Amino acid sequence: MDYQRRLNDAHGTARTAEFARTFLVPGMNHCAGGPATDDFDGLAAMQAWVEEGKAPERIVARGSGMVPATLSRPLCVWPQQAIYTGGDANSAASFSCQTRP
């Protein structure tokens, strides 16, 4: 988060979003595991950004290990976070990425 803040300060938030975005995985240990939705394809998101110009706004992640694979959540561009908006609490579709005040 510190690096993202420094990029934002140096280049402006809008300009930085054109080339760098940070996605946090709540509950994930250092590289994987923990009570988290830590099964996601970040490489596909980067590939779509580079090859198709589609910058990721959210990445859908599923549980693995301690969290069932039937549970999914969106990983949001920092500083946004997943906020429940209604519906199936186990589905990423029931969450939107929002910045809390």
N, C-alpha and C. Protein backbone atom coordinates (compact mmCIF):
# COMPACT_ATOMS: atom_id res chain seq x y z
N MET A 1 0.83 -1.18 0.00
CA MET A 1 0.00 0.00 0.00
C MET A 1 0.88 1.24 0.00
N ASP A 2 2.01 1.16 0.71
CA ASP A 2 2.91 2.31 0.75
C ASP A 2 3.45 2.61 -0.65
N TYR A 3 3.84 1.56 -1.38
CA TYR A 3 4.35 1.77 -2.74
C TYR A 3 3.28 2.39 -3.63
N GLN A 4 2.05 1.90 -3.53
CA GLN A 4 0.95 2.45 -4.33
C GLN A 4 0.72 3.92 -3.97
N ARG A 5 0.77 4.24 -2.68
CA ARG A 5 0.63 5.64 -2.26
C ARG A 5 1.73 6.52 -2.86
N ARG A 6 2.96 6.01 -2.84
CA ARG A 6 4.08 6.79 -3.39
C ARG A 6 3.93 6.97 -4.90
N LEU A 7 3.46 5.94 -5.59
CA LEU A 7 3.19 6.10 -7.03
C LEU A 7 2.12 7.15 -7.26
N ASN A 8 1.04 7.08 -6.48
CA ASN A 8 -0.05 8.05 -6.61
C ASN A 8 0.45 9.47 -6.36
N ASP A 9 1.29 9.63 -5.34
CA ASP A 9 1.84 10.95 -5.02
C ASP A 9 2.75 11.46 -6.13
N ALA A 10 3.53 10.57 -6.71
CA ALA A 10 4.49 10.97 -7.74
C ALA A 10 3.84 11.26 -9.09
N HIS A 11 2.82 10.49 -9.45
CA HIS A 11 2.25 10.58 -10.80
C HIS A 11 0.80 11.05 -10.83
N GLY A 12 0.15 11.12 -9.67
CA GLY A 12 -1.28 11.40 -9.61
C GLY A 12 -2.04 10.09 -9.66
N THR A 13 -3.13 10.03 -8.94
CA THR A 13 -3.89 8.79 -8.82
C THR A 13 -4.42 8.32 -10.17
N ALA A 14 -4.98 9.22 -10.97
CA ALA A 14 -5.55 8.83 -12.26
C ALA A 14 -4.48 8.31 -13.21
N ARG A 15 -3.34 8.99 -13.27
CA ARG A 15 -2.26 8.56 -14.16
C ARG A 15 -1.69 7.22 -13.70
N THR A 16 -1.50 7.06 -12.41
CA THR A 16 -0.97 5.80 -11.87
C THR A 16 -1.89 4.63 -12.21
N ALA A 17 -3.20 4.85 -12.16
CA ALA A 17 -4.16 3.78 -12.45
C ALA A 17 -4.05 3.27 -13.88
N GLU A 18 -3.36 4.03 -14.74
CA GLU A 18 -3.15 3.59 -16.12
C GLU A 18 -2.07 2.52 -16.22
N PHE A 19 -1.20 2.41 -15.19
CA PHE A 19 -0.10 1.44 -15.28
C PHE A 19 0.14 0.61 -14.02
N ALA A 20 -0.52 0.92 -12.91
CA ALA A 20 -0.29 0.14 -11.69
C ALA A 20 -1.55 0.12 -10.83
N ARG A 21 -1.90 -1.05 -10.34
CA ARG A 21 -3.04 -1.21 -9.44
C ARG A 21 -2.68 -2.24 -8.38
N THR A 22 -3.18 -2.04 -7.18
CA THR A 22 -2.92 -2.96 -6.08
C THR A 22 -4.21 -3.65 -5.69
N PHE A 23 -4.15 -4.97 -5.58
CA PHE A 23 -5.28 -5.79 -5.15
C PHE A 23 -4.87 -6.51 -3.87
N LEU A 24 -5.60 -6.27 -2.79
CA LEU A 24 -5.33 -6.94 -1.52
C LEU A 24 -6.26 -8.15 -1.39
N VAL A 25 -5.77 -9.18 -0.70
CA VAL A 25 -6.55 -10.39 -0.47
C VAL A 25 -6.76 -10.52 1.04
N PRO A 26 -7.91 -10.05 1.54
CA PRO A 26 -8.16 -10.11 2.98
C PRO A 26 -8.05 -11.53 3.54
N GLY A 27 -7.31 -11.67 4.62
CA GLY A 27 -7.17 -12.95 5.29
C GLY A 27 -6.08 -13.86 4.75
N MET A 28 -5.47 -13.50 3.62
CA MET A 28 -4.45 -14.37 3.03
C MET A 28 -3.13 -14.22 3.76
N ASN A 29 -2.47 -15.34 4.00
CA ASN A 29 -1.13 -15.30 4.58
C ASN A 29 -0.16 -14.71 3.56
N HIS A 30 1.13 -14.75 3.85
CA HIS A 30 2.13 -14.05 3.04
C HIS A 30 1.95 -14.25 1.54
N CYS A 31 1.88 -15.47 1.06
CA CYS A 31 1.74 -15.72 -0.38
C CYS A 31 0.51 -16.55 -0.72
N ALA A 32 -0.04 -17.26 0.24
CA ALA A 32 -1.22 -18.10 0.01
C ALA A 32 -1.66 -18.67 1.34
N GLY A 33 -2.85 -19.25 1.33
CA GLY A 33 -3.36 -19.89 2.53
C GLY A 33 -3.98 -18.90 3.50
N GLY A 34 -4.46 -19.44 4.60
CA GLY A 34 -5.15 -18.62 5.57
C GLY A 34 -6.64 -18.60 5.27
N PRO A 35 -7.42 -17.95 6.12
CA PRO A 35 -8.87 -17.89 5.91
C PRO A 35 -9.22 -16.84 4.85
N ALA A 36 -8.99 -17.19 3.59
CA ALA A 36 -9.11 -16.19 2.52
C ALA A 36 -9.64 -16.80 1.23
N THR A 37 -10.12 -15.93 0.38
CA THR A 37 -10.41 -16.30 -1.00
C THR A 37 -9.13 -16.03 -1.79
N ASP A 38 -8.24 -17.01 -1.78
CA ASP A 38 -6.91 -16.82 -2.33
C ASP A 38 -6.66 -17.60 -3.62
N ASP A 39 -7.73 -18.07 -4.25
CA ASP A 39 -7.62 -18.78 -5.53
C ASP A 39 -8.14 -17.85 -6.62
N PHE A 40 -7.22 -17.22 -7.35
CA PHE A 40 -7.60 -16.27 -8.39
C PHE A 40 -6.54 -16.26 -9.48
N ASP A 41 -6.89 -15.72 -10.64
CA ASP A 41 -5.98 -15.72 -11.78
C ASP A 41 -5.52 -14.29 -12.07
N GLY A 42 -4.52 -13.85 -11.32
CA GLY A 42 -3.97 -12.52 -11.52
C GLY A 42 -3.26 -12.39 -12.85
N LEU A 43 -2.67 -13.48 -13.33
CA LEU A 43 -1.96 -13.44 -14.60
C LEU A 43 -2.92 -13.14 -15.75
N ALA A 44 -4.10 -13.74 -15.74
CA ALA A 44 -5.09 -13.47 -16.79
C ALA A 44 -5.51 -12.01 -16.76
N ALA A 45 -5.64 -11.44 -15.56
CA ALA A 45 -6.00 -10.02 -15.45
C ALA A 45 -4.91 -9.14 -16.04
N MET A 46 -3.65 -9.46 -15.75
CA MET A 46 -2.54 -8.68 -16.31
C MET A 46 -2.45 -8.85 -17.82
N GLN A 47 -2.67 -10.07 -18.30
CA GLN A 47 -2.61 -10.33 -19.73
C GLN A 47 -3.69 -9.55 -20.48
N ALA A 48 -4.91 -9.53 -19.94
CA ALA A 48 -5.99 -8.76 -20.58
C ALA A 48 -5.67 -7.27 -20.58
N TRP A 49 -5.02 -6.79 -19.53
CA TRP A 49 -4.65 -5.38 -19.45
C TRP A 49 -3.61 -5.04 -20.51
N VAL A 50 -2.58 -5.85 -20.61
CA VAL A 50 -1.48 -5.57 -21.55
C VAL A 50 -1.91 -5.81 -23.00
N GLU A 51 -2.56 -6.93 -23.26
CA GLU A 51 -2.86 -7.31 -24.64
C GLU A 51 -4.14 -6.71 -25.19
N GLU A 52 -5.11 -6.42 -24.32
CA GLU A 52 -6.41 -5.93 -24.77
C GLU A 52 -6.76 -4.55 -24.24
N GLY A 53 -5.90 -3.99 -23.39
CA GLY A 53 -6.17 -2.67 -22.82
C GLY A 53 -7.28 -2.66 -21.79
N LYS A 54 -7.65 -3.83 -21.24
CA LYS A 54 -8.73 -3.93 -20.25
C LYS A 54 -8.13 -3.95 -18.85
N ALA A 55 -8.01 -2.78 -18.24
CA ALA A 55 -7.46 -2.69 -16.88
C ALA A 55 -8.43 -3.35 -15.90
N PRO A 56 -7.93 -4.17 -15.00
CA PRO A 56 -8.83 -4.86 -14.05
C PRO A 56 -9.41 -3.91 -13.02
N GLU A 57 -10.72 -3.97 -12.86
CA GLU A 57 -11.41 -3.21 -11.82
C GLU A 57 -11.65 -4.10 -10.60
N ARG A 58 -11.80 -5.40 -10.85
CA ARG A 58 -11.97 -6.38 -9.80
C ARG A 58 -11.56 -7.73 -10.36
N ILE A 59 -11.12 -8.61 -9.47
CA ILE A 59 -10.74 -9.96 -9.84
C ILE A 59 -11.52 -10.90 -8.93
N VAL A 60 -12.23 -11.83 -9.50
CA VAL A 60 -13.02 -12.75 -8.69
C VAL A 60 -12.10 -13.84 -8.15
N ALA A 61 -12.19 -14.05 -6.83
CA ALA A 61 -11.38 -15.05 -6.14
C ALA A 61 -12.29 -16.05 -5.43
N ARG A 62 -11.83 -17.28 -5.36
CA ARG A 62 -12.57 -18.34 -4.67
C ARG A 62 -11.77 -18.81 -3.47
N GLY A 63 -12.47 -19.44 -2.57
CA GLY A 63 -11.81 -20.00 -1.40
C GLY A 63 -10.97 -21.20 -1.78
N SER A 64 -9.99 -21.48 -0.94
CA SER A 64 -9.18 -22.69 -1.06
C SER A 64 -8.69 -23.02 0.34
N GLY A 65 -8.53 -24.26 0.62
CA GLY A 65 -8.04 -24.63 1.95
C GLY A 65 -9.06 -24.36 3.03
N MET A 66 -8.82 -23.33 3.84
CA MET A 66 -9.66 -23.03 5.00
C MET A 66 -11.03 -22.47 4.61
N VAL A 67 -11.15 -21.91 3.41
CA VAL A 67 -12.41 -21.33 2.94
C VAL A 67 -12.92 -22.20 1.80
N PRO A 68 -14.19 -22.61 1.83
CA PRO A 68 -14.71 -23.49 0.78
C PRO A 68 -14.61 -22.86 -0.61
N ALA A 69 -14.35 -23.69 -1.62
CA ALA A 69 -14.23 -23.21 -3.00
C ALA A 69 -15.56 -22.68 -3.54
N THR A 70 -16.66 -22.98 -2.85
CA THR A 70 -17.97 -22.48 -3.27
C THR A 70 -18.18 -21.01 -2.90
N LEU A 71 -17.28 -20.46 -2.07
CA LEU A 71 -17.38 -19.06 -1.67
C LEU A 71 -16.49 -18.22 -2.58
N SER A 72 -17.04 -17.15 -3.13
CA SER A 72 -16.25 -16.25 -3.97
C SER A 72 -16.44 -14.81 -3.53
N ARG A 73 -15.42 -14.02 -3.76
CA ARG A 73 -15.43 -12.60 -3.42
C ARG A 73 -14.68 -11.84 -4.50
N PRO A 74 -15.05 -10.58 -4.71
CA PRO A 74 -14.22 -9.78 -5.61
C PRO A 74 -13.00 -9.24 -4.86
N LEU A 75 -11.87 -9.27 -5.52
CA LEU A 75 -10.70 -8.55 -5.04
C LEU A 75 -10.78 -7.19 -5.72
N CYS A 76 -10.72 -6.15 -4.95
CA CYS A 76 -10.95 -4.79 -5.46
C CYS A 76 -9.66 -4.00 -5.57
N VAL A 77 -9.65 -3.04 -6.49
CA VAL A 77 -8.51 -2.14 -6.62
C VAL A 77 -8.43 -1.30 -5.35
N TRP A 78 -7.27 -1.36 -4.68
CA TRP A 78 -7.05 -0.58 -3.47
C TRP A 78 -7.15 0.91 -3.79
N PRO A 79 -7.86 1.72 -3.00
CA PRO A 79 -8.33 1.50 -1.64
C PRO A 79 -9.76 0.98 -1.53
N GLN A 80 -10.34 0.54 -2.64
CA GLN A 80 -11.70 0.01 -2.55
C GLN A 80 -11.69 -1.33 -1.84
N GLN A 81 -12.87 -1.71 -1.35
CA GLN A 81 -13.03 -3.02 -0.73
C GLN A 81 -14.39 -3.58 -1.07
N ALA A 82 -14.53 -4.89 -0.94
CA ALA A 82 -15.78 -5.56 -1.27
C ALA A 82 -16.84 -5.24 -0.22
N ILE A 83 -17.97 -4.70 -0.67
CA ILE A 83 -19.09 -4.36 0.21
C ILE A 83 -20.30 -5.18 -0.23
N TYR A 84 -20.91 -5.88 0.71
CA TYR A 84 -22.08 -6.69 0.43
C TYR A 84 -23.24 -5.79 0.01
N THR A 85 -23.88 -6.10 -1.12
CA THR A 85 -24.99 -5.29 -1.62
C THR A 85 -26.31 -6.05 -1.63
N GLY A 86 -26.28 -7.33 -1.30
CA GLY A 86 -27.50 -8.12 -1.24
C GLY A 86 -27.43 -9.34 -2.15
N GLY A 87 -28.17 -10.37 -1.77
CA GLY A 87 -28.18 -11.61 -2.54
C GLY A 87 -27.42 -12.70 -1.83
N ASP A 88 -26.92 -13.65 -2.58
CA ASP A 88 -26.21 -14.80 -2.04
C ASP A 88 -24.89 -14.35 -1.42
N ALA A 89 -24.76 -14.49 -0.13
CA ALA A 89 -23.57 -14.02 0.58
C ALA A 89 -22.32 -14.82 0.21
N ASN A 90 -22.48 -15.94 -0.48
CA ASN A 90 -21.33 -16.74 -0.91
C ASN A 90 -20.85 -16.39 -2.31
N SER A 91 -21.51 -15.44 -2.98
CA SER A 91 -21.20 -15.13 -4.37
C SER A 91 -20.58 -13.74 -4.53
N ALA A 92 -19.53 -13.67 -5.32
CA ALA A 92 -18.88 -12.39 -5.61
C ALA A 92 -19.85 -11.41 -6.26
N ALA A 93 -20.85 -11.93 -6.97
CA ALA A 93 -21.83 -11.07 -7.64
C ALA A 93 -22.66 -10.25 -6.65
N SER A 94 -22.67 -10.64 -5.38
CA SER A 94 -23.45 -9.94 -4.36
C SER A 94 -22.66 -8.84 -3.67
N PHE A 95 -21.47 -8.53 -4.20
CA PHE A 95 -20.59 -7.52 -3.62
C PHE A 95 -20.19 -6.51 -4.68
N SER A 96 -20.02 -5.27 -4.26
CA SER A 96 -19.48 -4.26 -5.17
C SER A 96 -18.22 -3.69 -4.54
N CYS A 97 -17.34 -3.19 -5.38
CA CYS A 97 -16.10 -2.57 -4.90
C CYS A 97 -16.38 -1.10 -4.64
N GLN A 98 -16.15 -0.68 -3.40
CA GLN A 98 -16.42 0.69 -3.00
C GLN A 98 -15.31 1.19 -2.09
N THR A 99 -15.15 2.50 -2.08
CA THR A 99 -14.21 3.13 -1.15
C THR A 99 -15.02 3.59 0.06
N ARG A 100 -14.61 3.15 1.22
CA ARG A 100 -15.29 3.57 2.43
C ARG A 100 -14.77 4.95 2.83
N PRO A 101 -15.68 5.78 3.35
CA PRO A 101 -15.23 7.13 3.76
C PRO A 101 -14.28 7.08 4.93
